[in-house]
C-alpha atoms as a PDB file:
ATOM      1  CA  MET A   1       0.000   0.000   0.000  1.00  0.00           C
ATOM      2  CA  ASN A   2       2.848   2.396   0.839  1.00  0.00           C
ATOM      3  CA  ALA A   3       4.466   1.725  -2.533  1.00  0.00           C
ATOM      4  CA  LEU A   4       1.179   2.358  -4.351  1.00  0.00           C
ATOM      5  CA  LEU A   5       0.652   5.619  -2.475  1.00  0.00           C
ATOM      6  CA  HIS A   6       4.171   6.693  -3.420  1.00  0.00           C
ATOM      7  CA  GLN A   7       3.494   5.956  -7.097  1.00  0.00           C
ATOM      8  CA  ILE A   8       0.214   7.900  -7.018  1.00  0.00           C
ATOM      9  CA  LEU A   9       1.707  10.960  -5.320  1.00  0.00           C
ATOM     10  CA  SER A  10       4.750  10.932  -7.577  1.00  0.00           C
ATOM     11  CA  GLY A  11       2.405  10.583 -10.558  1.00  0.00           C
ATOM     12  CA  LEU A  12       0.479  13.651  -9.428  1.00  0.00           C
ATOM     13  CA  ALA A  13       3.743  15.606  -9.349  1.00  0.00           C
ATOM     14  CA  THR A  14       4.737  14.662 -12.893  1.00  0.00           C
ATOM     15  CA  GLY A  15       1.096  14.942 -13.923  1.00  0.00           C
ATOM     16  CA  GLY A  16       1.162  18.593 -12.939  1.00  0.00           C
ATOM     17  CA  ILE A  17       4.015  19.118 -15.384  1.00  0.00           C
ATOM     18  CA  TYR A  18       2.123  17.242 -18.089  1.00  0.00           C
ATOM     19  CA  ALA A  19      -0.900  19.409 -17.285  1.00  0.00           C
ATOM     20  CA  SER A  20       1.151  22.567 -17.889  1.00  0.00           C
ATOM     21  CA  VAL A  21       2.371  21.290 -21.261  1.00  0.00           C
ATOM     22  CA  ALA A  22      -1.148  20.143 -22.185  1.00  0.00           C
ATOM     23  CA  LEU A  23      -2.560  23.542 -21.270  1.00  0.00           C
ATOM     24  CA  ALA A  24       0.021  25.270 -23.483  1.00  0.00           C
ATOM     25  CA  LEU A  25      -0.895  22.940 -26.362  1.00  0.00           C
ATOM     26  CA  VAL A  26      -4.615  23.625 -25.873  1.00  0.00           C
ATOM     27  CA  MET A  27      -4.107  27.397 -25.798  1.00  0.00           C
ATOM     28  CA  ILE A  28      -2.305  27.371 -29.138  1.00  0.00           C
ATOM     29  CA  HIS A  29      -4.762  24.871 -30.610  1.00  0.00           C
ATOM     30  CA  GLN A  30      -7.686  27.111 -29.670  1.00  0.00           C
ATOM     31  CA  ALA A  31      -6.005  30.042 -31.414  1.00  0.00           C
ATOM     32  CA  THR A  32      -4.750  28.283 -34.553  1.00  0.00           C
ATOM     33  CA  HIS A  33      -6.576  24.900 -34.609  1.00  0.00           C
ATOM     34  CA  LEU A  34      -3.144  23.326 -34.948  1.00  0.00           C
ATOM     35  CA  VAL A  35      -0.885  21.367 -32.594  1.00  0.00           C
ATOM     36  CA  ASN A  36       2.412  23.074 -31.778  1.00  0.00           C
ATOM     37  CA  PHE A  37       4.925  20.245 -32.115  1.00  0.00           C
ATOM     38  CA  ALA A  38       7.685  22.659 -31.055  1.00  0.00           C
ATOM     39  CA  GLN A  39       6.123  23.334 -27.634  1.00  0.00           C
ATOM     40  CA  GLY A  40       8.534  20.980 -25.901  1.00  0.00           C
ATOM     41  CA  GLU A  41      11.602  22.511 -27.552  1.00  0.00           C
ATOM     42  CA  MET A  42      10.405  26.004 -26.634  1.00  0.00           C
ATOM     43  CA  ALA A  43      10.184  24.875 -23.006  1.00  0.00           C
ATOM     44  CA  MET A  44      13.606  23.241 -23.226  1.00  0.00           C
ATOM     45  CA  PHE A  45      15.231  26.382 -24.638  1.00  0.00           C
ATOM     46  CA  SER A  46      13.621  28.473 -21.886  1.00  0.00           C
ATOM     47  CA  THR A  47      15.024  26.078 -19.285  1.00  0.00           C
ATOM     48  CA  TYR A  48      18.505  26.549 -20.726  1.00  0.00           C
ATOM     49  CA  ILE A  49      18.050  30.310 -20.374  1.00  0.00           C
ATOM     50  CA  ALA A  50      17.166  29.817 -16.702  1.00  0.00           C
ATOM     51  CA  TRP A  51      20.203  27.546 -16.242  1.00  0.00           C
ATOM     52  CA  ALA A  52      22.497  30.175 -17.799  1.00  0.00           C
ATOM     53  CA  LEU A  53      21.077  32.886 -15.530  1.00  0.00           C
ATOM     54  CA  ILE A  54      21.524  30.735 -12.417  1.00  0.00           C
ATOM     55  CA  GLU A  55      25.053  29.748 -13.450  1.00  0.00           C
ATOM     56  CA  GLY A  56      25.777  33.450 -13.886  1.00  0.00           C
ATOM     57  CA  GLY A  57      24.992  34.036 -10.224  1.00  0.00           C
ATOM     58  CA  MET A  58      21.348  35.103 -10.301  1.00  0.00           C
ATOM     59  CA  PRO A  59      19.151  33.775  -7.441  1.00  0.00           C
ATOM     60  CA  TYR A  60      16.851  30.952  -8.490  1.00  0.00           C
ATOM     61  CA  TRP A  61      13.501  32.710  -8.163  1.00  0.00           C
ATOM     62  CA  ASP A  62      14.819  35.847  -9.886  1.00  0.00           C
ATOM     63  CA  ALA A  63      16.014  33.661 -12.773  1.00  0.00           C
ATOM     64  CA  PHE A  64      12.654  31.845 -12.697  1.00  0.00           C
ATOM     65  CA  ALA A  65      10.689  35.095 -13.077  1.00  0.00           C
ATOM     66  CA  LEU A  66      13.029  36.549 -15.709  1.00  0.00           C
ATOM     67  CA  THR A  67      12.894  33.325 -17.725  1.00  0.00           C
ATOM     68  CA  ILE A  68       9.092  33.420 -17.730  1.00  0.00           C
ATOM     69  CA  LEU A  69       9.209  37.021 -19.002  1.00  0.00           C
ATOM     70  CA  ILE A  70      11.776  36.171 -21.707  1.00  0.00           C
ATOM     71  CA  SER A  71       9.736  33.141 -22.754  1.00  0.00           C
ATOM     72  CA  PHE A  72       6.557  35.224 -22.928  1.00  0.00           C
ATOM     73  CA  LEU A  73       8.255  37.768 -25.202  1.00  0.00           C
ATOM     74  CA  GLY A  74       9.828  34.961 -27.248  1.00  0.00           C
ATOM     75  CA  GLY A  75       6.432  33.364 -27.808  1.00  0.00           C
ATOM     76  CA  ILE A  76       5.058  36.679 -29.082  1.00  0.00           C
ATOM     77  CA  VAL A  77       8.029  37.072 -31.456  1.00  0.00           C
ATOM     78  CA  ILE A  78       7.550  33.543 -32.803  1.00  0.00           C
ATOM     79  CA  GLU A  79       3.876  34.224 -33.472  1.00  0.00           C
ATOM     80  CA  ARG A  80       4.581  37.563 -35.160  1.00  0.00           C
ATOM     81  CA  VAL A  81       7.545  36.411 -37.257  1.00  0.00           C
ATOM     82  CA  VAL A  82       6.914  32.727 -37.973  1.00  0.00           C
ATOM     83  CA  ILE A  83       3.256  31.845 -37.408  1.00  0.00           C
ATOM     84  CA  ARG A  84       1.385  34.969 -38.529  1.00  0.00           C
ATOM     85  CA  PRO A  85       2.647  34.807 -42.163  1.00  0.00           C
ATOM     86  CA  MET A  86       1.294  31.213 -42.253  1.00  0.00           C
ATOM     87  CA  ALA A  87      -2.229  32.245 -41.225  1.00  0.00           C
ATOM     88  CA  ASN A  88      -3.805  31.291 -44.558  1.00  0.00           C
ATOM     89  CA  ALA A  89      -1.379  28.507 -45.450  1.00  0.00           C
ATOM     90  CA  PRO A  90      -2.506  24.880 -45.870  1.00  0.00           C
ATOM     91  CA  VAL A  91      -2.498  22.755 -42.719  1.00  0.00           C
ATOM     92  CA  LEU A  92       0.374  20.601 -43.981  1.00  0.00           C
ATOM     93  CA  ALA A  93       2.555  23.673 -44.536  1.00  0.00           C
ATOM     94  CA  SER A  94       1.870  24.857 -40.979  1.00  0.00           C
ATOM     95  CA  VAL A  95       2.731  21.429 -39.578  1.00  0.00           C
ATOM     96  CA  ILE A  96       6.032  21.468 -41.463  1.00  0.00           C
ATOM     97  CA  VAL A  97       6.776  24.933 -40.013  1.00  0.00           C
ATOM     98  CA  PHE A  98       6.153  23.613 -36.494  1.00  0.00           C
ATOM     99  CA  ILE A  99       8.452  20.649 -37.096  1.00  0.00           C
ATOM    100  CA  GLY A 100      11.080  22.960 -38.578  1.00  0.00           C
ATOM    101  CA  LEU A 101      10.842  25.181 -35.495  1.00  0.00           C
ATOM    102  CA  LEU A 102      11.339  22.104 -33.320  1.00  0.00           C
ATOM    103  CA  VAL A 103      14.505  21.088 -35.174  1.00  0.00           C
ATOM    104  CA  ILE A 104      15.887  24.642 -35.185  1.00  0.00           C
ATOM    105  CA  LEU A 105      15.409  25.154 -31.440  1.00  0.00           C
ATOM    106  CA  ASN A 106      16.902  21.744 -30.671  1.00  0.00           C
ATOM    107  CA  SER A 107      19.932  22.362 -32.871  1.00  0.00           C
ATOM    108  CA  VAL A 108      20.521  25.904 -31.629  1.00  0.00           C
ATOM    109  CA  ALA A 109      20.330  24.733 -28.008  1.00  0.00           C
ATOM    110  CA  GLY A 110      22.869  21.999 -28.723  1.00  0.00           C
ATOM    111  CA  TRP A 111      25.112  24.456 -30.563  1.00  0.00           C
ATOM    112  CA  ILE A 112      25.049  27.073 -27.802  1.00  0.00           C
ATOM    113  CA  PHE A 113      24.913  24.901 -24.677  1.00  0.00           C
ATOM    114  CA  THR A 114      26.357  21.615 -26.089  1.00  0.00           C
ATOM    115  CA  TYR A 115      24.660  18.228 -25.833  1.00  0.00           C
ATOM    116  CA  THR A 116      26.316  17.397 -22.515  1.00  0.00           C
ATOM    117  CA  VAL A 117      23.769  16.478 -19.857  1.00  0.00           C
ATOM    118  CA  LYS A 118      23.649  19.141 -17.131  1.00  0.00           C
ATOM    119  CA  SER A 119      22.129  19.159 -13.668  1.00  0.00           C
ATOM    120  CA  PHE A 120      19.479  21.761 -12.968  1.00  0.00           C
ATOM    121  CA  PRO A 121      19.031  23.019  -9.409  1.00  0.00           C
ATOM    122  CA  SER A 122      15.836  22.619  -7.457  1.00  0.00           C
ATOM    123  CA  PRO A 123      14.629  25.567  -5.371  1.00  0.00           C
ATOM    124  CA  PHE A 124      13.234  23.189  -2.753  1.00  0.00           C
ATOM    125  CA  PRO A 125      15.126  21.474   0.097  1.00  0.00           C
ATOM    126  CA  ALA A 126      16.550  18.007  -0.471  1.00  0.00           C
ATOM    127  CA  GLU A 127      15.089  16.679   2.794  1.00  0.00           C
ATOM    128  CA  PRO A 128      11.546  15.248   2.556  1.00  0.00           C
ATOM    129  CA  LEU A 129       8.904  17.548   4.005  1.00  0.00           C
ATOM    130  CA  TRP A 130       7.509  16.338   7.348  1.00  0.00           C
ATOM    131  CA  ASN A 131       9.923  13.364   7.081  1.00  0.00           C
ATOM    132  CA  ASN A 132       7.510  11.562   4.748  1.00  0.00           C
ATOM    133  CA  SER A 133       8.709   8.724   2.523  1.00  0.00           C
ATOM    134  CA  TYR A 134       6.027   9.037  -0.146  1.00  0.00           C
ATOM    135  CA  ILE A 135       6.920  12.151  -2.115  1.00  0.00           C
ATOM    136  CA  SER A 136      10.043  14.278  -2.414  1.00  0.00           C
ATOM    137  CA  THR A 137      10.054  17.960  -1.542  1.00  0.00           C
ATOM    138  CA  HIS A 138      10.728  18.899  -5.164  1.00  0.00           C
ATOM    139  CA  GLU A 139       7.769  16.840  -6.364  1.00  0.00           C
ATOM    140  CA  LEU A 140       5.554  18.467  -3.748  1.00  0.00           C
ATOM    141  CA  GLY A 141       6.886  21.888  -4.704  1.00  0.00           C
ATOM    142  CA  ALA A 142       6.306  21.184  -8.399  1.00  0.00           C
ATOM    143  CA  ILE A 143       2.656  20.386  -7.636  1.00  0.00           C
ATOM    144  CA  GLY A 144       2.350  23.645  -5.697  1.00  0.00           C
ATOM    145  CA  VAL A 145       3.958  25.754  -8.436  1.00  0.00           C
ATOM    146  CA  THR A 146       1.754  24.130 -11.086  1.00  0.00           C
ATOM    147  CA  LEU A 147      -1.422  24.755  -9.080  1.00  0.00           C
ATOM    148  CA  VAL A 148      -0.454  28.392  -8.498  1.00  0.00           C
ATOM    149  CA  VAL A 149       0.153  28.911 -12.226  1.00  0.00           C
ATOM    150  CA  LEU A 150      -3.148  27.261 -13.107  1.00  0.00           C
ATOM    151  CA  ALA A 151      -5.010  29.349 -10.525  1.00  0.00           C
ATOM    152  CA  LEU A 152      -3.485  32.584 -11.848  1.00  0.00           C
ATOM    153  CA  LEU A 153      -4.444  31.624 -15.400  1.00  0.00           C
ATOM    154  CA  PHE A 154      -7.999  30.848 -14.310  1.00  0.00           C
ATOM    155  CA  ILE A 155      -8.300  34.234 -12.628  1.00  0.00           C
ATOM    156  CA  PHE A 156      -6.782  35.964 -15.655  1.00  0.00           C
ATOM    157  CA  PHE A 157      -9.093  34.396 -18.226  1.00  0.00           C
ATOM    158  CA  ARG A 158     -12.184  34.526 -16.029  1.00  0.00           C
ATOM    159  CA  PHE A 159     -12.036  37.929 -14.395  1.00  0.00           C
ATOM    160  CA  THR A 160      -9.898  40.297 -16.512  1.00  0.00           C
ATOM    161  CA  LEU A 161     -10.916  42.198 -19.637  1.00  0.00           C
ATOM    162  CA  LEU A 162      -7.759  41.143 -21.462  1.00  0.00           C
ATOM    163  CA  GLY A 163      -8.354  37.501 -20.596  1.00  0.00           C
ATOM    164  CA  LEU A 164     -11.961  37.702 -21.796  1.00  0.00           C
ATOM    165  CA  ALA A 165     -10.791  39.365 -25.023  1.00  0.00           C
ATOM    166  CA  MET A 166      -8.283  36.565 -25.612  1.00  0.00           C
ATOM    167  CA  ARG A 167     -10.987  33.948 -25.052  1.00  0.00           C
ATOM    168  CA  ALA A 168     -13.324  35.741 -27.453  1.00  0.00           C
ATOM    169  CA  ALA A 169     -10.623  36.064 -30.117  1.00  0.00           C
ATOM    170  CA  ALA A 170      -9.860  32.343 -29.940  1.00  0.00           C
ATOM    171  CA  GLU A 171     -13.541  31.360 -29.940  1.00  0.00           C
ATOM    172  CA  ASN A 172     -14.882  33.658 -32.675  1.00  0.00           C
ATOM    173  CA  PRO A 173     -12.321  35.889 -34.441  1.00  0.00           C
ATOM    174  CA  VAL A 174     -14.824  37.446 -36.842  1.00  0.00           C
ATOM    175  CA  SER A 175     -17.269  38.616 -34.163  1.00  0.00           C
ATOM    176  CA  SER A 176     -14.372  39.749 -31.988  1.00  0.00           C
ATOM    177  CA  ARG A 177     -13.078  42.039 -34.736  1.00  0.00           C
ATOM    178  CA  LEU A 178     -16.553  43.521 -35.117  1.00  0.00           C
ATOM    179  CA  VAL A 179     -16.543  44.651 -31.473  1.00  0.00           C
ATOM    180  CA  GLY A 180     -13.065  46.160 -31.716  1.00  0.00           C
ATOM    181  CA  ILE A 181     -10.853  43.397 -30.333  1.00  0.00           C
ATOM    182  CA  ARG A 182      -7.416  43.264 -31.983  1.00  0.00           C
ATOM    183  CA  VAL A 183      -7.517  39.559 -32.742  1.00  0.00           C
ATOM    184  CA  GLY A 184      -3.980  39.375 -34.122  1.00  0.00           C
ATOM    185  CA  TRP A 185      -2.451  40.687 -30.923  1.00  0.00           C
ATOM    186  CA  MET A 186      -4.712  38.484 -28.787  1.00  0.00           C
ATOM    187  CA  LEU A 187      -3.347  35.446 -30.618  1.00  0.00           C
ATOM    188  CA  ALA A 188       0.203  36.708 -30.112  1.00  0.00           C
ATOM    189  CA  LEU A 189      -0.432  37.100 -26.383  1.00  0.00           C
ATOM    190  CA  GLY A 190      -1.803  33.547 -26.355  1.00  0.00           C
ATOM    191  CA  TRP A 191       1.454  32.308 -27.838  1.00  0.00           C
ATOM    192  CA  GLY A 192       3.364  34.291 -25.240  1.00  0.00           C
ATOM    193  CA  LEU A 193       1.366  32.759 -22.395  1.00  0.00           C
ATOM    194  CA  ALA A 194       1.785  29.256 -23.834  1.00  0.00           C
ATOM    195  CA  ALA A 195       5.556  29.777 -24.037  1.00  0.00           C
ATOM    196  CA  ALA A 196       5.625  31.057 -20.443  1.00  0.00           C
ATOM    197  CA  ILE A 197       3.629  28.064 -19.183  1.00  0.00           C
ATOM    198  CA  GLY A 198       5.967  25.735 -21.050  1.00  0.00           C
ATOM    199  CA  ALA A 199       8.942  27.441 -19.412  1.00  0.00           C
ATOM    200  CA  VAL A 200       7.486  26.715 -15.965  1.00  0.00           C
ATOM    201  CA  ALA A 201       7.015  23.056 -16.914  1.00  0.00           C
ATOM    202  CA  GLY A 202      10.595  22.847 -18.194  1.00  0.00           C
ATOM    203  CA  MET A 203      12.088  24.360 -15.050  1.00  0.00           C
ATOM    204  CA  MET A 204      10.053  22.049 -12.822  1.00  0.00           C
ATOM    205  CA  VAL A 205      10.921  18.857 -14.717  1.00  0.00           C
ATOM    206  CA  ALA A 206      14.624  19.614 -15.353  1.00  0.00           C
ATOM    207  CA  PRO A 207      15.782  18.690 -11.815  1.00  0.00           C
ATOM    208  CA  ILE A 208      14.124  15.272 -12.312  1.00  0.00           C
ATOM    209  CA  VAL A 209      15.190  14.335 -15.849  1.00  0.00           C
ATOM    210  CA  PHE A 210      18.342  16.527 -16.046  1.00  0.00           C
ATOM    211  CA  LEU A 211      18.938  19.174 -18.684  1.00  0.00           C
ATOM    212  CA  ASP A 212      19.780  18.366 -22.298  1.00  0.00           C
ATOM    213  CA  PRO A 213      18.360  19.423 -25.691  1.00  0.00           C
ATOM    214  CA  ASN A 214      16.155  16.313 -25.912  1.00  0.00           C
ATOM    215  CA  MET A 215      14.755  16.468 -22.372  1.00  0.00           C
ATOM    216  CA  MET A 216      11.217  17.479 -23.401  1.00  0.00           C
ATOM    217  CA  SER A 217      10.589  14.951 -26.193  1.00  0.00           C
ATOM    218  CA  GLY A 218       8.905  12.406 -23.908  1.00  0.00           C
ATOM    219  CA  ILE A 219       7.266  15.134 -21.807  1.00  0.00           C
ATOM    220  CA  LEU A 220       5.646  16.600 -24.933  1.00  0.00           C
ATOM    221  CA  LEU A 221       4.239  13.181 -25.817  1.00  0.00           C
ATOM    222  CA  TYR A 222       2.685  12.858 -22.351  1.00  0.00           C
ATOM    223  CA  GLY A 223       1.388  16.428 -22.600  1.00  0.00           C
ATOM    224  CA  PHE A 224      -0.194  15.649 -25.964  1.00  0.00           C
ATOM    225  CA  ALA A 225      -1.804  12.525 -24.487  1.00  0.00           C
ATOM    226  CA  ALA A 226      -3.143  14.612 -21.595  1.00  0.00           C
ATOM    227  CA  ALA A 227      -4.563  17.254 -23.939  1.00  0.00           C
ATOM    228  CA  LEU A 228      -6.320  14.624 -26.040  1.00  0.00           C
ATOM    229  CA  LEU A 229      -7.618  12.746 -23.003  1.00  0.00           C
ATOM    230  CA  GLY A 230      -9.122  15.836 -21.394  1.00  0.00           C
ATOM    231  CA  GLY A 231     -10.199  17.450 -24.643  1.00  0.00           C
ATOM    232  CA  ILE A 232      -7.994  19.426 -27.001  1.00  0.00           C
ATOM    233  CA  ASP A 233     -10.491  22.318 -26.896  1.00  0.00           C
ATOM    234  CA  ASN A 234     -11.007  22.268 -23.118  1.00  0.00           C
ATOM    235  CA  PRO A 235      -8.242  23.851 -20.954  1.00  0.00           C
ATOM    236  CA  ALA A 236      -9.653  22.528 -17.667  1.00  0.00           C
ATOM    237  CA  GLY A 237     -10.051  19.063 -19.157  1.00  0.00           C
ATOM    238  CA  ALA A 238      -6.471  19.101 -20.420  1.00  0.00           C
ATOM    239  CA  VAL A 239      -5.230  19.954 -16.919  1.00  0.00           C
ATOM    240  CA  LEU A 240      -7.210  17.090 -15.398  1.00  0.00           C
ATOM    241  CA  GLY A 241      -5.971  14.847 -18.202  1.00  0.00           C
ATOM    242  CA  GLY A 242      -2.385  15.720 -17.245  1.00  0.00           C
ATOM    243  CA  PHE A 243      -2.863  14.498 -13.673  1.00  0.00           C
ATOM    244  CA  ILE A 244      -4.633  11.337 -14.900  1.00  0.00           C
ATOM    245  CA  VAL A 245      -1.838  10.525 -17.357  1.00  0.00           C
ATOM    246  CA  GLY A 246       0.816  11.163 -14.691  1.00  0.00           C
ATOM    247  CA  VAL A 247      -0.780   8.709 -12.266  1.00  0.00           C
ATOM    248  CA  LEU A 248      -1.422   6.141 -15.017  1.00  0.00           C
ATOM    249  CA  GLU A 249       2.186   6.360 -16.168  1.00  0.00           C
ATOM    250  CA  ASN A 250       3.548   5.627 -12.696  1.00  0.00           C
ATOM    251  CA  VAL A 251       1.060   2.948 -11.618  1.00  0.00           C
ATOM    252  CA  VAL A 252       1.019   1.055 -14.925  1.00  0.00           C
ATOM    253  CA  GLY A 253       4.786   1.381 -15.306  1.00  0.00           C
ATOM    254  CA  ALA A 254       5.465   0.122 -11.789  1.00  0.00           C
ATOM    255  CA  TYR A 255       3.006  -2.774 -11.653  1.00  0.00           C
ATOM    256  CA  LEU A 256       2.222  -3.874 -15.210  1.00  0.00           C
ATOM    257  CA  ILE A 257       4.791  -3.120 -17.902  1.00  0.00           C
ATOM    258  CA  GLY A 258       7.949  -1.937 -16.148  1.00  0.00           C
ATOM    259  CA  THR A 259       9.618   1.457 -16.122  1.00  0.00           C
ATOM    260  CA  GLU A 260      11.400   0.841 -19.446  1.00  0.00           C
ATOM    261  CA  LEU A 261       8.085   0.833 -21.335  1.00  0.00           C
ATOM    262  CA  LYS A 262       6.324   3.671 -19.507  1.00  0.00           C
ATOM    263  CA  LEU A 263       6.358   5.850 -22.617  1.00  0.00           C
ATOM    264  CA  THR A 264       3.980   3.402 -24.278  1.00  0.00           C
ATOM    265  CA  VAL A 265       1.310   4.515 -21.788  1.00  0.00           C
ATOM    266  CA  ALA A 266       1.148   7.880 -23.563  1.00  0.00           C
ATOM    267  CA  LEU A 267       0.975   6.168 -26.963  1.00  0.00           C
ATOM    268  CA  VAL A 268      -1.837   3.875 -25.818  1.00  0.00           C
ATOM    269  CA  VAL A 269      -3.769   6.870 -24.436  1.00  0.00           C
ATOM    270  CA  ILE A 270      -3.329   8.790 -27.704  1.00  0.00           C
ATOM    271  CA  VAL A 271      -4.421   5.882 -29.911  1.00  0.00           C
ATOM    272  CA  GLY A 272      -7.260   4.914 -27.565  1.00  0.00           C
ATOM    273  CA  VAL A 273      -8.705   8.418 -27.334  1.00  0.00           C
ATOM    274  CA  LEU A 274      -8.450   9.087 -31.064  1.00  0.00           C
ATOM    275  CA  THR A 275     -10.119   5.733 -31.783  1.00  0.00           C
ATOM    276  CA  LEU A 276     -12.848   5.642 -29.130  1.00  0.00           C
ATOM    277  CA  LYS A 277     -13.562   9.262 -28.169  1.00  0.00           C
ATOM    278  CA  PRO A 278     -11.757  11.810 -30.362  1.00  0.00           C
ATOM    279  CA  SER A 279     -13.273  14.753 -28.485  1.00  0.00           C
ATOM    280  CA  GLY A 280     -11.725  13.577 -25.207  1.00  0.00           C
ATOM    281  CA  LEU A 281     -13.410  13.152 -21.840  1.00  0.00           C
ATOM    282  CA  PHE A 282     -14.472  16.796 -21.537  1.00  0.00           C
ATOM    283  CA  GLY A 283     -14.192  18.111 -25.098  1.00  0.00           C
ATOM    284  CA  ARG A 284     -17.053  19.345 -27.224  1.00  0.00           C
ATOM    285  CA  VAL A 285     -18.450  17.207 -30.013  1.00  0.00           C
ATOM    286  CA  LEU A 286     -18.884  19.461 -33.037  1.00  0.00           C
ATOM    287  CA  VAL A 287     -21.545  18.494 -35.562  1.00  0.00           C
ATOM    288  CA  SER A 288     -21.569  20.207 -38.961  1.00  0.00           C
ATOM    289  CA  ARG A 289     -24.547  20.252 -41.317  1.00  0.00           C
ATOM    290  CA  VAL A 290     -23.529  19.532 -44.910  1.00  0.00           C
END
């Protein structure tokens, strides 16, 4: 029972990270109706920026905040420079651009920071909190940071005029333009927020998986599985899907298939959802009259 509880709590910690990645994917999908395959590499590059700031002597939380700001601005630049010119391009062309962005960010990170695996510091104490043996302090802290980020996003989108404008622009761009909302800039801000959320996920997972240019490849797959499971058009569902996938990964990996095959859990979730319920657990089923 103790071992099972440990797997569940540890799964909730990693599930929070998957939830952050899934939420970033959903935000961009709502704005562009496309999946950003470069989301993981954007998070990885942001984590390298944080590592460079910390190595340069900046306190962790100062580097954390500055990295989020840099990532937010970087996401806006990517939308303005790379994505906006592709607004009316075929879907396949946009997918190729996303894949190209993935390869570019991965290669540039390896060129600048090398492909040597690096350790990334945790801001939380090494000793378990309350002397518990079920969950590490970093895992508990990662859950807390993720929940704070999600709560701030909920407040932003629910109770601020800018958040409501961004939701309207993603939901109905034509009507939003008619009431004076600058849809183009709302989409750019959405990209900025998605990049910032990805940066948080990268900085929380780096102390666990270590830092290298390929660190987010598996995380992105789990995030994609979480987004599909919860509903690719439902931010709250994607968050819940992240926690579900995190627990499933740990429990199934520990008791059924072994840790070496845990990545197949994400693949099974993706195939199962797309086959049985493409809209996800909480997504909307859209019916079109032809």
